[in-house]
Amino acid sequence: QLQLVESGGGLVQAGGSLRLSCAASGGTFRRYAMGWFRQGPGKERLFVSVISNRGDRIYYADDFVKGRFTISRDDAKNTVYLQMDTLRPEDTAVYYCAASPDNYCSGYRRCQATNDYDYWGQGTQVTVSS
């Protein structure tokens, strides 16, 4: 069973950057597509980005990411990253990483729904001050 642990969250001023990391253990990391979601206070958990198991298919939530975030993975380190630049106060949320067995995101939802994922981390808080 895959265990996921996020890190890298914190407090940053608007316009700043953070890099989130998600370290996986207990399973075969390279078999999974890896996604990032976020959940603001009182809001639903929303898709942010996903990368396929080989890194050759990537999706972003274009409506609010708009080129500011970059997902990547390092299979040698069993880690997926989310580089977040030009942060805005509305990016404040708990950020979660998750692992999907749909390793190429071939399903009709393209790994953009929470139900596409079997394993979740505990989340890391990102707070962007204005």
C-alpha atoms as a PDB file:
ATOM      1  CA  GLN A   1       0.000   0.000   0.000  1.00  0.00           C
ATOM      2  CA  LEU A   2       1.362   3.355  -1.012  1.00  0.00           C
ATOM      3  CA  GLN A   3       1.992   5.988   1.658  1.00  0.00           C
ATOM      4  CA  LEU A   4       2.283   9.626   0.620  1.00  0.00           C
ATOM      5  CA  VAL A   5       3.765  12.468   2.646  1.00  0.00           C
ATOM      6  CA  GLU A   6       3.609  16.076   1.469  1.00  0.00           C
ATOM      7  CA  SER A   7       5.978  18.829   2.509  1.00  0.00           C
ATOM      8  CA  GLY A   8       6.997  22.316   1.465  1.00  0.00           C
ATOM      9  CA  GLY A   9       3.920  24.270   2.417  1.00  0.00           C
ATOM     10  CA  GLY A  10       4.063  27.454   4.426  1.00  0.00           C
ATOM     11  CA  LEU A  11       3.345  31.160   4.499  1.00  0.00           C
ATOM     12  CA  VAL A  12       4.384  33.275   1.532  1.00  0.00           C
ATOM     13  CA  GLN A  13       3.572  36.752   0.276  1.00  0.00           C
ATOM     14  CA  ALA A  14       1.590  37.287  -2.883  1.00  0.00           C
ATOM     15  CA  GLY A  15       3.834  36.995  -5.910  1.00  0.00           C
ATOM     16  CA  GLY A  16       6.140  34.560  -4.179  1.00  0.00           C
ATOM     17  CA  SER A  17       6.916  30.910  -4.863  1.00  0.00           C
ATOM     18  CA  LEU A  18       6.787  27.578  -3.112  1.00  0.00           C
ATOM     19  CA  ARG A  19       7.748  24.075  -4.153  1.00  0.00           C
ATOM     20  CA  LEU A  20       5.693  21.262  -2.719  1.00  0.00           C
ATOM     21  CA  SER A  21       7.064  17.742  -2.496  1.00  0.00           C
ATOM     22  CA  CYS A  22       5.284  14.452  -2.059  1.00  0.00           C
ATOM     23  CA  ALA A  23       7.358  11.447  -1.074  1.00  0.00           C
ATOM     24  CA  ALA A  24       5.954   7.986  -1.666  1.00  0.00           C
ATOM     25  CA  SER A  25       6.807   4.737   0.079  1.00  0.00           C
ATOM     26  CA  GLY A  26       5.461   1.225   0.490  1.00  0.00           C
ATOM     27  CA  GLY A  27       4.596   0.623  -3.151  1.00  0.00           C
ATOM     28  CA  THR A  28       5.773   0.849  -6.740  1.00  0.00           C
ATOM     29  CA  PHE A  29       5.747   4.586  -7.355  1.00  0.00           C
ATOM     30  CA  ARG A  30       6.382   4.365 -11.098  1.00  0.00           C
ATOM     31  CA  ARG A  31       3.135   2.472 -11.645  1.00  0.00           C
ATOM     32  CA  TYR A  32       1.016   5.446 -10.651  1.00  0.00           C
ATOM     33  CA  ALA A  33      -0.040   8.724 -12.126  1.00  0.00           C
ATOM     34  CA  MET A  34       0.478  11.362  -9.452  1.00  0.00           C
ATOM     35  CA  GLY A  35      -1.846  14.264  -8.887  1.00  0.00           C
ATOM     36  CA  TRP A  36      -2.175  17.385  -6.783  1.00  0.00           C
ATOM     37  CA  PHE A  37      -5.445  18.718  -5.402  1.00  0.00           C
ATOM     38  CA  ARG A  38      -6.238  21.584  -3.109  1.00  0.00           C
ATOM     39  CA  GLN A  39      -8.993  22.373  -0.658  1.00  0.00           C
ATOM     40  CA  GLY A  40      -9.746  25.821   0.683  1.00  0.00           C
ATOM     41  CA  PRO A  41     -11.667  26.449   3.926  1.00  0.00           C
ATOM     42  CA  GLY A  42     -15.248  25.308   3.514  1.00  0.00           C
ATOM     43  CA  LYS A  43     -14.691  24.377  -0.101  1.00  0.00           C
ATOM     44  CA  GLU A  44     -14.559  21.174  -2.075  1.00  0.00           C
ATOM     45  CA  ARG A  45     -11.314  19.490  -3.014  1.00  0.00           C
ATOM     46  CA  LEU A  46     -10.259  20.684  -6.453  1.00  0.00           C
ATOM     47  CA  PHE A  47      -7.950  19.241  -9.080  1.00  0.00           C
ATOM     48  CA  VAL A  48      -4.696  21.165  -9.637  1.00  0.00           C
ATOM     49  CA  SER A  49      -2.437  18.998 -11.779  1.00  0.00           C
ATOM     50  CA  VAL A  50      -1.503  15.437 -12.661  1.00  0.00           C
ATOM     51  CA  ILE A  51       1.481  13.718 -14.259  1.00  0.00           C
ATOM     52  CA  SER A  52       1.364  10.264 -15.807  1.00  0.00           C
ATOM     53  CA  ASN A  53       3.568   7.454 -14.581  1.00  0.00           C
ATOM     54  CA  ARG A  54       6.156   8.091 -17.300  1.00  0.00           C
ATOM     55  CA  GLY A  55       5.871  11.849 -17.121  1.00  0.00           C
ATOM     56  CA  ASP A  56       4.702  12.100 -20.724  1.00  0.00           C
ATOM     57  CA  ARG A  57       1.183  13.292 -20.054  1.00  0.00           C
ATOM     58  CA  ILE A  58       0.445  16.289 -17.870  1.00  0.00           C
ATOM     59  CA  TYR A  59      -2.767  18.137 -17.149  1.00  0.00           C
ATOM     60  CA  TYR A  60      -3.365  21.366 -15.269  1.00  0.00           C
ATOM     61  CA  ALA A  61      -6.463  23.082 -14.012  1.00  0.00           C
ATOM     62  CA  ASP A  62      -6.128  25.815 -16.580  1.00  0.00           C
ATOM     63  CA  ASP A  63      -8.788  28.017 -15.063  1.00  0.00           C
ATOM     64  CA  PHE A  64      -6.667  28.972 -12.089  1.00  0.00           C
ATOM     65  CA  VAL A  65      -3.183  27.555 -12.753  1.00  0.00           C
ATOM     66  CA  LYS A  66      -2.670  29.419 -16.056  1.00  0.00           C
ATOM     67  CA  GLY A  67       1.017  28.673 -16.420  1.00  0.00           C
ATOM     68  CA  ARG A  68       1.943  29.505 -12.830  1.00  0.00           C
ATOM     69  CA  PHE A  69       2.361  25.934 -11.592  1.00  0.00           C
ATOM     70  CA  THR A  70       4.638  23.145 -12.838  1.00  0.00           C
ATOM     71  CA  ILE A  71       4.364  19.486 -11.905  1.00  0.00           C
ATOM     72  CA  SER A  72       7.263  17.056 -12.153  1.00  0.00           C
ATOM     73  CA  ARG A  73       8.353  13.709 -10.791  1.00  0.00           C
ATOM     74  CA  ASP A  74      11.594  11.987  -9.892  1.00  0.00           C
ATOM     75  CA  ASP A  75      11.114   8.238  -9.900  1.00  0.00           C
ATOM     76  CA  ALA A  76      14.586   7.662  -8.464  1.00  0.00           C
ATOM     77  CA  LYS A  77      13.438   9.543  -5.368  1.00  0.00           C
ATOM     78  CA  ASN A  78       9.823   8.336  -5.445  1.00  0.00           C
ATOM     79  CA  THR A  79       8.784  11.976  -5.291  1.00  0.00           C
ATOM     80  CA  VAL A  80       6.419  14.258  -7.161  1.00  0.00           C
ATOM     81  CA  TYR A  81       6.767  18.036  -7.045  1.00  0.00           C
ATOM     82  CA  LEU A  82       4.554  21.036  -7.585  1.00  0.00           C
ATOM     83  CA  GLN A  83       6.404  24.259  -8.297  1.00  0.00           C
ATOM     84  CA  MET A  84       4.086  27.187  -7.630  1.00  0.00           C
ATOM     85  CA  ASP A  85       5.035  30.656  -8.820  1.00  0.00           C
ATOM     86  CA  THR A  86       3.312  34.032  -8.781  1.00  0.00           C
ATOM     87  CA  LEU A  87       1.176  32.908  -5.883  1.00  0.00           C
ATOM     88  CA  ARG A  88      -2.062  34.706  -5.074  1.00  0.00           C
ATOM     89  CA  PRO A  89      -4.099  34.913  -1.859  1.00  0.00           C
ATOM     90  CA  GLU A  90      -6.775  32.765  -3.512  1.00  0.00           C
ATOM     91  CA  ASP A  91      -4.212  29.945  -3.770  1.00  0.00           C
ATOM     92  CA  THR A  92      -4.444  29.566   0.009  1.00  0.00           C
ATOM     93  CA  ALA A  93      -5.512  25.992   0.703  1.00  0.00           C
ATOM     94  CA  VAL A  94      -4.414  22.619   1.951  1.00  0.00           C
ATOM     95  CA  TYR A  95      -2.627  20.883  -0.899  1.00  0.00           C
ATOM     96  CA  TYR A  96      -2.878  17.116  -1.239  1.00  0.00           C
ATOM     97  CA  CYS A  97      -0.990  14.699  -3.423  1.00  0.00           C
ATOM     98  CA  ALA A  98      -2.594  11.495  -4.580  1.00  0.00           C
ATOM     99  CA  ALA A  99      -1.793   8.369  -6.593  1.00  0.00           C
ATOM    100  CA  SER A 100      -3.972   7.018  -9.374  1.00  0.00           C
ATOM    101  CA  PRO A 101      -3.784   3.492 -10.840  1.00  0.00           C
ATOM    102  CA  ASP A 102      -4.878   4.982 -14.179  1.00  0.00           C
ATOM    103  CA  ASN A 103      -1.196   5.487 -14.873  1.00  0.00           C
ATOM    104  CA  TYR A 104      -1.600   7.243 -18.241  1.00  0.00           C
ATOM    105  CA  CYS A 105      -4.798   9.061 -17.271  1.00  0.00           C
ATOM    106  CA  SER A 106      -6.583   7.383 -20.155  1.00  0.00           C
ATOM    107  CA  GLY A 107      -9.981   7.448 -18.489  1.00  0.00           C
ATOM    108  CA  TYR A 108     -12.601   9.971 -19.569  1.00  0.00           C
ATOM    109  CA  ARG A 109     -11.980  12.089 -16.465  1.00  0.00           C
ATOM    110  CA  ARG A 110      -8.247  12.243 -17.238  1.00  0.00           C
ATOM    111  CA  CYS A 111      -7.328  11.787 -13.565  1.00  0.00           C
ATOM    112  CA  GLN A 112      -9.031  15.070 -12.689  1.00  0.00           C
ATOM    113  CA  ALA A 113     -11.571  13.680 -10.226  1.00  0.00           C
ATOM    114  CA  THR A 114     -10.913  12.622  -6.670  1.00  0.00           C
ATOM    115  CA  ASN A 115     -12.497   9.238  -7.408  1.00  0.00           C
ATOM    116  CA  ASP A 116      -9.660   8.499  -9.834  1.00  0.00           C
ATOM    117  CA  TYR A 117      -7.229   8.176  -6.917  1.00  0.00           C
ATOM    118  CA  ASP A 118      -6.620   5.334  -4.497  1.00  0.00           C
ATOM    119  CA  TYR A 119      -4.053   6.872  -2.161  1.00  0.00           C
ATOM    120  CA  TRP A 120      -3.849  10.304  -0.555  1.00  0.00           C
ATOM    121  CA  GLY A 121      -1.388  12.190   1.581  1.00  0.00           C
ATOM    122  CA  GLN A 122      -2.320  14.111   4.708  1.00  0.00           C
ATOM    123  CA  GLY A 123      -1.951  17.502   3.039  1.00  0.00           C
ATOM    124  CA  THR A 124       0.272  20.527   3.488  1.00  0.00           C
ATOM    125  CA  GLN A 125      -0.998  24.026   4.230  1.00  0.00           C
ATOM    126  CA  VAL A 126      -0.190  26.840   1.833  1.00  0.00           C
ATOM    127  CA  THR A 127      -1.049  30.364   2.948  1.00  0.00           C
ATOM    128  CA  VAL A 128      -0.540  33.350   0.671  1.00  0.00           C
ATOM    129  CA  SER A 129      -0.753  36.763   2.267  1.00  0.00           C
ATOM    130  CA  SER A 130      -1.740  39.888   0.368  1.00  0.00           C
END
